[in-house]
């Protein structure tokens, strides 16, 4: 039987273009994940790098006196990577740019983040 957070993540993988979603601790460890297919990446290394990116983004926000980032959006030639701060954890979403609509991805993150935080 899957956990409530796992069910939310699996539902999110049904959003067009979504490849994978991870809940990552701020220490860089994967706590939960859901994929829409097979990933051929070193998930642990990616989780650690996502944590580092979020840390650097937070430092930049402090330096510029902007506050803490809510969602960090990285755009690559064929993919989007969105990182959303959940407080004690991060929510990272990887999507295929050719199949995804960025606004829809951002909407789903903002909509589901409170639900995820509530069941973690």
C-alpha atoms as a PDB file:
ATOM      1  CA  UNK A   1       0.000   0.000   0.000  1.00  0.00           C
ATOM      2  CA  UNK A   2       1.361   3.428  -0.908  1.00  0.00           C
ATOM      3  CA  UNK A   3       1.613   6.358   1.460  1.00  0.00           C
ATOM      4  CA  UNK A   4      -0.559   9.489   1.049  1.00  0.00           C
ATOM      5  CA  UNK A   5       2.436  11.468  -0.222  1.00  0.00           C
ATOM      6  CA  UNK A   6       3.274   8.721  -2.707  1.00  0.00           C
ATOM      7  CA  UNK A   7      -0.272   8.865  -4.101  1.00  0.00           C
ATOM      8  CA  UNK A   8       0.020  12.637  -4.589  1.00  0.00           C
ATOM      9  CA  UNK A   9       3.373  12.258  -6.359  1.00  0.00           C
ATOM     10  CA  UNK A  10       2.039   9.521  -8.649  1.00  0.00           C
ATOM     11  CA  UNK A  11      -0.935  11.740  -9.509  1.00  0.00           C
ATOM     12  CA  UNK A  12       1.466  14.549 -10.352  1.00  0.00           C
ATOM     13  CA  UNK A  13       3.356  12.299 -12.788  1.00  0.00           C
ATOM     14  CA  UNK A  14       0.166  12.225 -14.850  1.00  0.00           C
ATOM     15  CA  UNK A  15       0.634  15.908 -15.670  1.00  0.00           C
ATOM     16  CA  UNK A  16       1.738  16.107 -19.319  1.00  0.00           C
ATOM     17  CA  UNK A  17       5.510  16.138 -19.665  1.00  0.00           C
ATOM     18  CA  UNK A  18       6.365  15.175 -16.075  1.00  0.00           C
ATOM     19  CA  UNK A  19       9.187  12.623 -15.952  1.00  0.00           C
ATOM     20  CA  UNK A  20       9.896  12.445 -12.229  1.00  0.00           C
ATOM     21  CA  UNK A  21       9.116  14.044  -8.908  1.00  0.00           C
ATOM     22  CA  UNK A  22      11.273  13.824  -5.796  1.00  0.00           C
ATOM     23  CA  UNK A  23      10.862  14.820  -2.172  1.00  0.00           C
ATOM     24  CA  UNK A  24      14.398  15.601  -0.996  1.00  0.00           C
ATOM     25  CA  UNK A  25      15.516  16.396   2.529  1.00  0.00           C
ATOM     26  CA  UNK A  26      17.578  19.548   2.939  1.00  0.00           C
ATOM     27  CA  UNK A  27      20.465  17.196   3.726  1.00  0.00           C
ATOM     28  CA  UNK A  28      20.268  15.973   0.120  1.00  0.00           C
ATOM     29  CA  UNK A  29      18.575  12.596   0.619  1.00  0.00           C
ATOM     30  CA  UNK A  30      15.616  11.303  -1.375  1.00  0.00           C
ATOM     31  CA  UNK A  31      12.663  10.676   0.918  1.00  0.00           C
ATOM     32  CA  UNK A  32      10.005   9.863  -1.712  1.00  0.00           C
ATOM     33  CA  UNK A  33       9.863   9.716  -5.483  1.00  0.00           C
ATOM     34  CA  UNK A  34       7.595   8.913  -8.380  1.00  0.00           C
ATOM     35  CA  UNK A  35       8.542   8.516 -12.018  1.00  0.00           C
ATOM     36  CA  UNK A  36       6.543   8.372 -15.213  1.00  0.00           C
ATOM     37  CA  UNK A  37       9.101   6.012 -16.749  1.00  0.00           C
ATOM     38  CA  UNK A  38      12.600   4.728 -16.310  1.00  0.00           C
ATOM     39  CA  UNK A  39      15.306   7.139 -15.207  1.00  0.00           C
ATOM     40  CA  UNK A  40      18.935   6.501 -16.027  1.00  0.00           C
ATOM     41  CA  UNK A  41      20.439   8.986 -13.598  1.00  0.00           C
ATOM     42  CA  UNK A  42      22.282   8.739 -10.319  1.00  0.00           C
ATOM     43  CA  UNK A  43      19.327   9.874  -8.205  1.00  0.00           C
ATOM     44  CA  UNK A  44      21.363  10.288  -5.026  1.00  0.00           C
ATOM     45  CA  UNK A  45      23.894  12.538  -6.756  1.00  0.00           C
ATOM     46  CA  UNK A  46      21.123  14.571  -8.381  1.00  0.00           C
ATOM     47  CA  UNK A  47      19.355  14.971  -5.018  1.00  0.00           C
ATOM     48  CA  UNK A  48      22.558  16.287  -3.445  1.00  0.00           C
ATOM     49  CA  UNK A  49      23.059  18.735  -6.334  1.00  0.00           C
ATOM     50  CA  UNK A  50      19.448  19.948  -6.135  1.00  0.00           C
ATOM     51  CA  UNK A  51      19.975  20.698  -2.453  1.00  0.00           C
ATOM     52  CA  UNK A  52      23.141  22.629  -3.303  1.00  0.00           C
ATOM     53  CA  UNK A  53      21.348  24.625  -6.009  1.00  0.00           C
ATOM     54  CA  UNK A  54      18.550  25.510  -3.622  1.00  0.00           C
ATOM     55  CA  UNK A  55      21.091  26.558  -0.997  1.00  0.00           C
ATOM     56  CA  UNK A  56      22.886  28.809  -3.476  1.00  0.00           C
ATOM     57  CA  UNK A  57      19.569  30.284  -4.621  1.00  0.00           C
ATOM     58  CA  UNK A  58      18.625  31.028  -1.013  1.00  0.00           C
ATOM     59  CA  UNK A  59      21.992  32.743  -0.415  1.00  0.00           C
ATOM     60  CA  UNK A  60      21.494  34.840  -3.548  1.00  0.00           C
ATOM     61  CA  UNK A  61      18.057  35.881  -2.313  1.00  0.00           C
ATOM     62  CA  UNK A  62      19.530  36.940   1.016  1.00  0.00           C
ATOM     63  CA  UNK A  63      22.338  38.876  -0.652  1.00  0.00           C
ATOM     64  CA  UNK A  64      19.865  40.693  -2.906  1.00  0.00           C
ATOM     65  CA  UNK A  65      17.482  41.185   0.048  1.00  0.00           C
ATOM     66  CA  UNK A  66      14.699  39.328  -1.785  1.00  0.00           C
ATOM     67  CA  UNK A  67      13.942  36.720   0.846  1.00  0.00           C
ATOM     68  CA  UNK A  68      13.807  32.957   0.459  1.00  0.00           C
ATOM     69  CA  UNK A  69      12.980  31.484  -2.926  1.00  0.00           C
ATOM     70  CA  UNK A  70       9.643  29.700  -3.213  1.00  0.00           C
ATOM     71  CA  UNK A  71      10.218  27.966  -6.524  1.00  0.00           C
ATOM     72  CA  UNK A  72      13.423  27.801  -8.510  1.00  0.00           C
ATOM     73  CA  UNK A  73      12.950  27.102 -12.206  1.00  0.00           C
ATOM     74  CA  UNK A  74      15.834  25.779 -14.274  1.00  0.00           C
ATOM     75  CA  UNK A  75      15.413  25.571 -18.026  1.00  0.00           C
ATOM     76  CA  UNK A  76      17.596  23.291 -20.115  1.00  0.00           C
ATOM     77  CA  UNK A  77      17.433  22.722 -23.895  1.00  0.00           C
ATOM     78  CA  UNK A  78      14.971  19.828 -23.576  1.00  0.00           C
ATOM     79  CA  UNK A  79      13.838  19.881 -19.965  1.00  0.00           C
ATOM     80  CA  UNK A  80      12.553  21.898 -17.041  1.00  0.00           C
ATOM     81  CA  UNK A  81      13.597  21.313 -13.450  1.00  0.00           C
ATOM     82  CA  UNK A  82      11.465  23.016 -10.825  1.00  0.00           C
ATOM     83  CA  UNK A  83      12.510  23.048  -7.173  1.00  0.00           C
ATOM     84  CA  UNK A  84       9.947  24.108  -4.591  1.00  0.00           C
ATOM     85  CA  UNK A  85      10.763  24.736  -0.932  1.00  0.00           C
ATOM     86  CA  UNK A  86       8.518  22.758   1.430  1.00  0.00           C
ATOM     87  CA  UNK A  87      10.185  23.985   4.620  1.00  0.00           C
ATOM     88  CA  UNK A  88      12.129  20.965   5.885  1.00  0.00           C
ATOM     89  CA  UNK A  89      12.177  19.347   2.432  1.00  0.00           C
ATOM     90  CA  UNK A  90      12.365  20.208  -1.237  1.00  0.00           C
ATOM     91  CA  UNK A  91      10.003  19.120  -3.990  1.00  0.00           C
ATOM     92  CA  UNK A  92      11.807  18.686  -7.320  1.00  0.00           C
ATOM     93  CA  UNK A  93       9.978  18.098 -10.577  1.00  0.00           C
ATOM     94  CA  UNK A  94      11.687  17.088 -13.827  1.00  0.00           C
ATOM     95  CA  UNK A  95       9.720  17.545 -17.058  1.00  0.00           C
ATOM     96  CA  UNK A  96      10.168  17.094 -20.796  1.00  0.00           C
ATOM     97  CA  UNK A  97      10.008  20.583 -22.292  1.00  0.00           C
ATOM     98  CA  UNK A  98       8.449  19.382 -25.561  1.00  0.00           C
ATOM     99  CA  UNK A  99       5.451  17.862 -23.745  1.00  0.00           C
ATOM    100  CA  UNK A 100       5.039  20.170 -20.753  1.00  0.00           C
ATOM    101  CA  UNK A 101       3.574  23.629 -20.280  1.00  0.00           C
ATOM    102  CA  UNK A 102       5.648  25.550 -17.753  1.00  0.00           C
ATOM    103  CA  UNK A 103       2.664  27.420 -16.336  1.00  0.00           C
ATOM    104  CA  UNK A 104       0.828  24.152 -15.742  1.00  0.00           C
ATOM    105  CA  UNK A 105       3.864  22.682 -13.959  1.00  0.00           C
ATOM    106  CA  UNK A 106       4.133  25.731 -11.716  1.00  0.00           C
ATOM    107  CA  UNK A 107       0.392  25.595 -11.020  1.00  0.00           C
ATOM    108  CA  UNK A 108       0.562  21.907 -10.035  1.00  0.00           C
ATOM    109  CA  UNK A 109       3.546  22.535  -7.731  1.00  0.00           C
ATOM    110  CA  UNK A 110       1.819  25.411  -5.950  1.00  0.00           C
ATOM    111  CA  UNK A 111      -1.435  23.455  -5.694  1.00  0.00           C
ATOM    112  CA  UNK A 112       0.074  20.208  -4.406  1.00  0.00           C
ATOM    113  CA  UNK A 113       2.835  21.612  -2.144  1.00  0.00           C
ATOM    114  CA  UNK A 114       0.499  22.277   0.822  1.00  0.00           C
ATOM    115  CA  UNK A 115      -1.055  18.823   0.471  1.00  0.00           C
ATOM    116  CA  UNK A 116       2.375  17.201   0.412  1.00  0.00           C
ATOM    117  CA  UNK A 117       3.595  19.226   3.391  1.00  0.00           C
ATOM    118  CA  UNK A 118       0.457  18.228   5.280  1.00  0.00           C
ATOM    119  CA  UNK A 119       1.129  14.486   4.914  1.00  0.00           C
ATOM    120  CA  UNK A 120       4.911  14.461   5.351  1.00  0.00           C
END
